[in-house]
């Protein structure tokens, strides 16, 4: 077995985020569950803003931003900001009301 094949067996490529329409639909369903404030925070997170920037933009303190971000990510069933970005890039407009 050549090295490339060994590496592929040992480290298979990650599965695609959206391999069918069901996953896209489920993300839209989860996105509809977001409150207005959670949606605002998720949009700013997706744009690359930090918690303090989001707080000053929305006129709230940083702690509620952390709470809205955590609840929004739970509702969207994503575990990290990069995962959130992959969803947003794959499904444009997914965080819009």
C-alpha atoms as a PDB file:
ATOM      1  CA  UNK A   1       0.000   0.000   0.000  1.00  0.00           C
ATOM      2  CA  UNK A   2       1.427   3.371  -0.907  1.00  0.00           C
ATOM      3  CA  UNK A   3       1.657   6.174   1.611  1.00  0.00           C
ATOM      4  CA  UNK A   4      -1.254   8.216   0.188  1.00  0.00           C
ATOM      5  CA  UNK A   5      -3.598   5.229   0.440  1.00  0.00           C
ATOM      6  CA  UNK A   6      -2.482   4.531   3.988  1.00  0.00           C
ATOM      7  CA  UNK A   7      -3.123   8.140   4.970  1.00  0.00           C
ATOM      8  CA  UNK A   8      -6.556   8.097   3.337  1.00  0.00           C
ATOM      9  CA  UNK A   9      -7.506   4.934   5.206  1.00  0.00           C
ATOM     10  CA  UNK A  10      -6.187   6.271   8.483  1.00  0.00           C
ATOM     11  CA  UNK A  11      -7.529   9.815   8.050  1.00  0.00           C
ATOM     12  CA  UNK A  12     -10.637   9.709   5.864  1.00  0.00           C
ATOM     13  CA  UNK A  13     -11.908  13.051   4.539  1.00  0.00           C
ATOM     14  CA  UNK A  14     -14.638  14.683   6.605  1.00  0.00           C
ATOM     15  CA  UNK A  15     -18.182  14.070   5.410  1.00  0.00           C
ATOM     16  CA  UNK A  16     -19.796  16.893   3.440  1.00  0.00           C
ATOM     17  CA  UNK A  17     -21.970  19.179   5.525  1.00  0.00           C
ATOM     18  CA  UNK A  18     -24.859  19.008   3.121  1.00  0.00           C
ATOM     19  CA  UNK A  19     -25.103  15.708   1.331  1.00  0.00           C
ATOM     20  CA  UNK A  20     -28.829  16.039   0.661  1.00  0.00           C
ATOM     21  CA  UNK A  21     -31.725  18.468   0.858  1.00  0.00           C
ATOM     22  CA  UNK A  22     -32.830  17.147   4.226  1.00  0.00           C
ATOM     23  CA  UNK A  23     -29.829  18.685   5.973  1.00  0.00           C
ATOM     24  CA  UNK A  24     -30.471  22.073   4.357  1.00  0.00           C
ATOM     25  CA  UNK A  25     -34.117  21.995   5.322  1.00  0.00           C
ATOM     26  CA  UNK A  26     -33.315  20.995   8.882  1.00  0.00           C
ATOM     27  CA  UNK A  27     -30.906  23.942   9.177  1.00  0.00           C
ATOM     28  CA  UNK A  28     -33.650  26.317   7.985  1.00  0.00           C
ATOM     29  CA  UNK A  29     -36.038  24.780  10.524  1.00  0.00           C
ATOM     30  CA  UNK A  30     -33.493  25.302  13.299  1.00  0.00           C
ATOM     31  CA  UNK A  31     -32.760  28.850  12.111  1.00  0.00           C
ATOM     32  CA  UNK A  32     -36.461  29.719  12.355  1.00  0.00           C
ATOM     33  CA  UNK A  33     -36.348  28.820  16.064  1.00  0.00           C
ATOM     34  CA  UNK A  34     -33.905  31.660  16.790  1.00  0.00           C
ATOM     35  CA  UNK A  35     -35.176  34.744  18.576  1.00  0.00           C
ATOM     36  CA  UNK A  36     -34.635  38.096  16.912  1.00  0.00           C
ATOM     37  CA  UNK A  37     -31.721  38.915  19.217  1.00  0.00           C
ATOM     38  CA  UNK A  38     -30.112  35.478  18.749  1.00  0.00           C
ATOM     39  CA  UNK A  39     -30.393  35.922  14.974  1.00  0.00           C
ATOM     40  CA  UNK A  40     -28.761  39.375  15.202  1.00  0.00           C
ATOM     41  CA  UNK A  41     -25.917  37.978  17.294  1.00  0.00           C
ATOM     42  CA  UNK A  42     -25.428  34.958  14.978  1.00  0.00           C
ATOM     43  CA  UNK A  43     -25.277  37.253  11.924  1.00  0.00           C
ATOM     44  CA  UNK A  44     -22.603  39.401  13.561  1.00  0.00           C
ATOM     45  CA  UNK A  45     -20.671  36.322  14.682  1.00  0.00           C
ATOM     46  CA  UNK A  46     -20.798  35.030  11.101  1.00  0.00           C
ATOM     47  CA  UNK A  47     -19.403  38.383   9.916  1.00  0.00           C
ATOM     48  CA  UNK A  48     -16.424  37.885  12.230  1.00  0.00           C
ATOM     49  CA  UNK A  49     -17.276  40.296  15.036  1.00  0.00           C
ATOM     50  CA  UNK A  50     -16.068  39.637  18.558  1.00  0.00           C
ATOM     51  CA  UNK A  51     -18.396  39.616  21.565  1.00  0.00           C
ATOM     52  CA  UNK A  52     -17.450  43.140  22.659  1.00  0.00           C
ATOM     53  CA  UNK A  53     -17.974  44.512  19.160  1.00  0.00           C
ATOM     54  CA  UNK A  54     -21.368  42.811  18.986  1.00  0.00           C
ATOM     55  CA  UNK A  55     -22.274  44.210  22.397  1.00  0.00           C
ATOM     56  CA  UNK A  56     -21.446  47.779  21.420  1.00  0.00           C
ATOM     57  CA  UNK A  57     -23.235  47.398  18.060  1.00  0.00           C
ATOM     58  CA  UNK A  58     -26.407  46.111  19.722  1.00  0.00           C
ATOM     59  CA  UNK A  59     -26.160  48.411  22.760  1.00  0.00           C
ATOM     60  CA  UNK A  60     -25.968  45.602  25.330  1.00  0.00           C
ATOM     61  CA  UNK A  61     -23.238  44.275  27.611  1.00  0.00           C
ATOM     62  CA  UNK A  62     -20.915  41.441  26.518  1.00  0.00           C
ATOM     63  CA  UNK A  63     -22.410  38.832  28.899  1.00  0.00           C
ATOM     64  CA  UNK A  64     -25.847  38.715  27.193  1.00  0.00           C
ATOM     65  CA  UNK A  65     -24.019  38.420  23.864  1.00  0.00           C
ATOM     66  CA  UNK A  66     -22.295  35.285  25.166  1.00  0.00           C
ATOM     67  CA  UNK A  67     -25.649  33.880  26.303  1.00  0.00           C
ATOM     68  CA  UNK A  68     -27.410  34.663  22.998  1.00  0.00           C
ATOM     69  CA  UNK A  69     -24.484  33.178  21.081  1.00  0.00           C
ATOM     70  CA  UNK A  70     -24.492  29.963  23.133  1.00  0.00           C
ATOM     71  CA  UNK A  71     -28.274  29.534  22.887  1.00  0.00           C
ATOM     72  CA  UNK A  72     -28.242  30.295  19.165  1.00  0.00           C
ATOM     73  CA  UNK A  73     -25.513  27.768  18.503  1.00  0.00           C
ATOM     74  CA  UNK A  74     -27.436  25.179  20.543  1.00  0.00           C
ATOM     75  CA  UNK A  75     -30.594  25.816  18.539  1.00  0.00           C
ATOM     76  CA  UNK A  76     -28.688  25.611  15.244  1.00  0.00           C
ATOM     77  CA  UNK A  77     -26.955  22.457  16.489  1.00  0.00           C
ATOM     78  CA  UNK A  78     -23.479  23.720  15.686  1.00  0.00           C
ATOM     79  CA  UNK A  79     -20.559  23.274  18.060  1.00  0.00           C
ATOM     80  CA  UNK A  80     -18.156  25.943  16.867  1.00  0.00           C
ATOM     81  CA  UNK A  81     -17.976  29.244  15.031  1.00  0.00           C
ATOM     82  CA  UNK A  82     -16.221  27.651  12.008  1.00  0.00           C
ATOM     83  CA  UNK A  83     -19.086  25.146  11.771  1.00  0.00           C
ATOM     84  CA  UNK A  84     -21.576  28.026  11.899  1.00  0.00           C
ATOM     85  CA  UNK A  85     -19.678  29.749   9.083  1.00  0.00           C
ATOM     86  CA  UNK A  86     -19.762  26.606   6.939  1.00  0.00           C
ATOM     87  CA  UNK A  87     -23.538  26.435   7.319  1.00  0.00           C
ATOM     88  CA  UNK A  88     -23.994  30.115   6.529  1.00  0.00           C
ATOM     89  CA  UNK A  89     -21.753  29.877   3.462  1.00  0.00           C
ATOM     90  CA  UNK A  90     -23.476  26.743   2.186  1.00  0.00           C
ATOM     91  CA  UNK A  91     -26.975  28.137   2.721  1.00  0.00           C
ATOM     92  CA  UNK A  92     -26.928  31.862   1.922  1.00  0.00           C
ATOM     93  CA  UNK A  93     -29.630  33.806   3.720  1.00  0.00           C
ATOM     94  CA  UNK A  94     -30.144  31.049   6.258  1.00  0.00           C
ATOM     95  CA  UNK A  95     -30.027  33.426   9.203  1.00  0.00           C
ATOM     96  CA  UNK A  96     -32.462  35.905   7.699  1.00  0.00           C
ATOM     97  CA  UNK A  97     -35.914  36.130   9.205  1.00  0.00           C
END
